[in-house]
Amino acid sequence: MDDLEKKIIDVIVRTQKTFPTESIHIDSTLEELGIDSLDGVNLLFALEEEFNIALPDEAKGMKTIRDIVFGIDFLLQEQAANKTK
């Protein structure tokens, strides 16, 4: 598990308060984790705060932890590239 994946899972555990960290893996779906649309919105806000990013509306379509990791990694790389310009 890489650092980004671990941080995202930690945010999920902290915001949902229902899962031990070891029960969540990269291919877990939000549905499997019992995260409904309202929980999903709260999770997105928590992720934005944790990583100091703004997630686009398309982020609501993320279905797995892998989707979230990929999306946040992309935004963080884009943010870093913009800082170097």
N, C-alpha and C. Protein backbone atom coordinates (compact mmCIF):
# COMPACT_ATOMS: atom_id res chain seq x y z
N MET A 1 0.86 -1.18 0.00
CA MET A 1 0.00 0.00 0.00
C MET A 1 0.90 1.24 0.00
N ASP A 2 0.66 2.14 -0.93
CA ASP A 2 1.47 3.35 -0.96
C ASP A 2 0.90 4.41 0.00
N ASP A 3 1.65 5.49 0.17
CA ASP A 3 1.26 6.52 1.15
C ASP A 3 -0.08 7.17 0.81
N LEU A 4 -0.29 7.46 -0.47
CA LEU A 4 -1.55 8.10 -0.86
C LEU A 4 -2.73 7.19 -0.57
N GLU A 5 -2.61 5.93 -0.95
CA GLU A 5 -3.68 4.97 -0.68
C GLU A 5 -3.95 4.88 0.82
N LYS A 6 -2.89 4.82 1.62
CA LYS A 6 -3.04 4.73 3.07
C LYS A 6 -3.76 5.97 3.62
N LYS A 7 -3.37 7.15 3.16
CA LYS A 7 -4.01 8.38 3.63
C LYS A 7 -5.50 8.40 3.28
N ILE A 8 -5.82 7.97 2.07
CA ILE A 8 -7.22 7.97 1.64
C ILE A 8 -8.03 6.99 2.49
N ILE A 9 -7.47 5.81 2.71
CA ILE A 9 -8.16 4.82 3.55
C ILE A 9 -8.32 5.35 4.97
N ASP A 10 -7.31 6.04 5.47
CA ASP A 10 -7.41 6.63 6.81
C ASP A 10 -8.54 7.66 6.88
N VAL A 11 -8.70 8.45 5.82
CA VAL A 11 -9.80 9.43 5.79
C VAL A 11 -11.14 8.70 5.78
N ILE A 12 -11.24 7.63 5.01
CA ILE A 12 -12.48 6.86 4.97
C ILE A 12 -12.80 6.29 6.35
N VAL A 13 -11.81 5.71 6.99
CA VAL A 13 -12.01 5.13 8.33
C VAL A 13 -12.42 6.23 9.31
N ARG A 14 -11.76 7.37 9.23
CA ARG A 14 -12.05 8.48 10.15
C ARG A 14 -13.45 9.05 9.92
N THR A 15 -13.86 9.18 8.66
CA THR A 15 -15.16 9.80 8.40
C THR A 15 -16.31 8.82 8.54
N GLN A 16 -16.10 7.56 8.23
CA GLN A 16 -17.18 6.58 8.28
C GLN A 16 -17.29 5.91 9.65
N LYS A 17 -16.20 5.79 10.35
CA LYS A 17 -16.16 5.24 11.71
C LYS A 17 -16.79 3.85 11.82
N THR A 18 -16.74 3.09 10.74
CA THR A 18 -17.37 1.77 10.79
C THR A 18 -16.45 0.65 10.36
N PHE A 19 -15.29 0.97 9.82
CA PHE A 19 -14.43 -0.06 9.26
C PHE A 19 -13.04 -0.01 9.85
N PRO A 20 -12.49 -1.17 10.19
CA PRO A 20 -11.08 -1.19 10.53
C PRO A 20 -10.27 -1.00 9.24
N THR A 21 -9.16 -0.33 9.33
CA THR A 21 -8.33 -0.04 8.16
C THR A 21 -8.02 -1.29 7.35
N GLU A 22 -7.73 -2.39 8.03
CA GLU A 22 -7.32 -3.61 7.31
C GLU A 22 -8.45 -4.24 6.51
N SER A 23 -9.70 -3.82 6.70
CA SER A 23 -10.81 -4.39 5.94
C SER A 23 -11.04 -3.66 4.62
N ILE A 24 -10.32 -2.57 4.39
CA ILE A 24 -10.48 -1.79 3.17
C ILE A 24 -9.25 -2.00 2.29
N HIS A 25 -9.49 -2.32 1.02
CA HIS A 25 -8.37 -2.51 0.10
C HIS A 25 -8.62 -1.70 -1.17
N ILE A 26 -7.64 -1.65 -2.03
CA ILE A 26 -7.66 -0.79 -3.21
C ILE A 26 -8.87 -1.03 -4.11
N ASP A 27 -9.36 -2.26 -4.16
CA ASP A 27 -10.50 -2.56 -5.04
C ASP A 27 -11.84 -2.59 -4.31
N SER A 28 -11.87 -2.18 -3.05
CA SER A 28 -13.13 -2.06 -2.33
C SER A 28 -13.99 -1.01 -3.02
N THR A 29 -15.27 -1.31 -3.15
CA THR A 29 -16.18 -0.30 -3.71
C THR A 29 -16.81 0.46 -2.55
N LEU A 30 -17.23 1.67 -2.86
CA LEU A 30 -17.90 2.47 -1.83
C LEU A 30 -19.19 1.78 -1.41
N GLU A 31 -19.84 1.12 -2.35
CA GLU A 31 -21.07 0.38 -2.04
C GLU A 31 -20.78 -0.75 -1.05
N GLU A 32 -19.71 -1.51 -1.28
CA GLU A 32 -19.33 -2.59 -0.36
C GLU A 32 -19.07 -2.06 1.04
N LEU A 33 -18.57 -0.83 1.10
CA LEU A 33 -18.25 -0.22 2.39
C LEU A 33 -19.47 0.45 3.03
N GLY A 34 -20.61 0.38 2.35
CA GLY A 34 -21.83 0.96 2.91
C GLY A 34 -21.87 2.46 2.82
N ILE A 35 -21.10 3.02 1.90
CA ILE A 35 -21.05 4.48 1.75
C ILE A 35 -22.11 4.87 0.72
N ASP A 36 -23.18 5.51 1.20
CA ASP A 36 -24.25 5.95 0.30
C ASP A 36 -23.92 7.33 -0.26
N SER A 37 -24.83 7.91 -1.01
CA SER A 37 -24.54 9.18 -1.69
C SER A 37 -24.25 10.32 -0.71
N LEU A 38 -24.98 10.38 0.39
CA LEU A 38 -24.73 11.43 1.38
C LEU A 38 -23.37 11.23 2.04
N ASP A 39 -23.07 9.99 2.43
CA ASP A 39 -21.75 9.69 3.00
C ASP A 39 -20.66 10.01 1.99
N GLY A 40 -20.95 9.72 0.71
CA GLY A 40 -19.97 9.98 -0.35
C GLY A 40 -19.63 11.45 -0.47
N VAL A 41 -20.65 12.30 -0.37
CA VAL A 41 -20.42 13.75 -0.42
C VAL A 41 -19.57 14.19 0.77
N ASN A 42 -19.91 13.69 1.95
CA ASN A 42 -19.11 14.03 3.14
C ASN A 42 -17.67 13.55 2.99
N LEU A 43 -17.50 12.37 2.41
CA LEU A 43 -16.16 11.84 2.17
C LEU A 43 -15.39 12.73 1.21
N LEU A 44 -16.04 13.19 0.15
CA LEU A 44 -15.36 14.07 -0.80
C LEU A 44 -14.90 15.36 -0.13
N PHE A 45 -15.75 15.93 0.73
CA PHE A 45 -15.35 17.13 1.47
C PHE A 45 -14.14 16.85 2.35
N ALA A 46 -14.15 15.71 3.02
CA ALA A 46 -13.03 15.35 3.89
C ALA A 46 -11.75 15.16 3.09
N LEU A 47 -11.86 14.56 1.90
CA LEU A 47 -10.69 14.36 1.05
C LEU A 47 -10.16 15.69 0.53
N GLU A 48 -11.06 16.59 0.17
CA GLU A 48 -10.63 17.92 -0.29
C GLU A 48 -9.85 18.63 0.82
N GLU A 49 -10.36 18.54 2.02
CA GLU A 49 -9.70 19.18 3.16
C GLU A 49 -8.34 18.53 3.45
N GLU A 50 -8.31 17.20 3.45
CA GLU A 50 -7.09 16.46 3.76
C GLU A 50 -5.96 16.78 2.78
N PHE A 51 -6.31 16.88 1.50
CA PHE A 51 -5.29 17.06 0.46
C PHE A 51 -5.21 18.48 -0.09
N ASN A 52 -6.05 19.37 0.45
CA ASN A 52 -6.06 20.77 0.01
C ASN A 52 -6.24 20.87 -1.51
N ILE A 53 -7.27 20.20 -1.99
CA ILE A 53 -7.59 20.19 -3.41
C ILE A 53 -9.08 20.44 -3.57
N ALA A 54 -9.47 20.74 -4.80
CA ALA A 54 -10.88 20.88 -5.15
C ALA A 54 -11.22 19.75 -6.11
N LEU A 55 -12.09 18.87 -5.67
CA LEU A 55 -12.49 17.75 -6.52
C LEU A 55 -13.58 18.21 -7.49
N PRO A 56 -13.48 17.84 -8.75
CA PRO A 56 -14.51 18.23 -9.72
C PRO A 56 -15.81 17.46 -9.47
N ASP A 57 -16.89 17.93 -10.04
CA ASP A 57 -18.18 17.26 -9.89
C ASP A 57 -18.13 15.80 -10.33
N GLU A 58 -17.26 15.50 -11.31
CA GLU A 58 -17.14 14.13 -11.81
C GLU A 58 -16.67 13.17 -10.71
N ALA A 59 -16.09 13.71 -9.64
CA ALA A 59 -15.60 12.86 -8.55
C ALA A 59 -16.74 12.08 -7.90
N LYS A 60 -17.95 12.59 -8.03
CA LYS A 60 -19.10 11.87 -7.46
C LYS A 60 -19.31 10.52 -8.13
N GLY A 61 -18.71 10.33 -9.30
CA GLY A 61 -18.84 9.08 -10.03
C GLY A 61 -17.81 8.04 -9.64
N MET A 62 -16.92 8.37 -8.72
CA MET A 62 -15.91 7.41 -8.29
C MET A 62 -16.58 6.28 -7.52
N LYS A 63 -16.22 5.05 -7.86
CA LYS A 63 -16.89 3.89 -7.27
C LYS A 63 -15.99 3.03 -6.39
N THR A 64 -14.69 3.10 -6.59
CA THR A 64 -13.77 2.24 -5.83
C THR A 64 -12.68 3.10 -5.18
N ILE A 65 -11.98 2.49 -4.25
CA ILE A 65 -10.83 3.17 -3.63
C ILE A 65 -9.80 3.46 -4.71
N ARG A 66 -9.63 2.54 -5.65
CA ARG A 66 -8.69 2.75 -6.76
C ARG A 66 -9.06 4.01 -7.55
N ASP A 67 -10.35 4.22 -7.83
CA ASP A 67 -10.80 5.42 -8.54
C ASP A 67 -10.40 6.68 -7.77
N ILE A 68 -10.61 6.63 -6.46
CA ILE A 68 -10.30 7.79 -5.62
C ILE A 68 -8.79 8.06 -5.62
N VAL A 69 -8.01 7.01 -5.44
CA VAL A 69 -6.54 7.16 -5.42
C VAL A 69 -6.08 7.74 -6.76
N PHE A 70 -6.56 7.19 -7.86
CA PHE A 70 -6.17 7.66 -9.19
C PHE A 70 -6.53 9.12 -9.38
N GLY A 71 -7.78 9.48 -9.02
CA GLY A 71 -8.24 10.85 -9.20
C GLY A 71 -7.47 11.85 -8.36
N ILE A 72 -7.24 11.52 -7.11
CA ILE A 72 -6.51 12.44 -6.24
C ILE A 72 -5.05 12.54 -6.66
N ASP A 73 -4.46 11.42 -7.03
CA ASP A 73 -3.08 11.44 -7.51
C ASP A 73 -2.95 12.35 -8.73
N PHE A 74 -3.89 12.25 -9.66
CA PHE A 74 -3.89 13.10 -10.84
C PHE A 74 -3.97 14.57 -10.45
N LEU A 75 -4.88 14.92 -9.54
CA LEU A 75 -5.04 16.31 -9.12
C LEU A 75 -3.81 16.83 -8.40
N LEU A 76 -3.20 16.00 -7.57
CA LEU A 76 -1.99 16.42 -6.85
C LEU A 76 -0.82 16.64 -7.82
N GLN A 77 -0.70 15.78 -8.82
CA GLN A 77 0.36 15.96 -9.82
C GLN A 77 0.12 17.23 -10.64
N GLU A 78 -1.13 17.46 -10.99
CA GLU A 78 -1.49 18.67 -11.74
C GLU A 78 -1.20 19.92 -10.91
N GLN A 79 -1.54 19.85 -9.64
CA GLN A 79 -1.28 20.98 -8.73
C GLN A 79 0.22 21.25 -8.61
N ALA A 80 1.01 20.19 -8.48
CA ALA A 80 2.47 20.34 -8.38
C ALA A 80 3.04 20.91 -9.66
N ALA A 81 2.54 20.48 -10.80
CA ALA A 81 3.03 20.98 -12.10
C ALA A 81 2.70 22.46 -12.26
N ASN A 82 1.54 22.88 -11.79
CA ASN A 82 1.16 24.28 -11.89
C ASN A 82 2.00 25.18 -10.98
N LYS A 83 2.48 24.63 -9.88
CA LYS A 83 3.32 25.41 -8.97
C LYS A 83 4.70 25.67 -9.57
N THR A 84 5.15 24.78 -10.45
CA THR A 84 6.48 24.92 -11.02
C THR A 84 6.48 25.83 -12.25
N LYS A 85 5.31 26.22 -12.71
CA LYS A 85 5.23 27.11 -13.89
C LYS A 85 5.46 28.53 -13.52
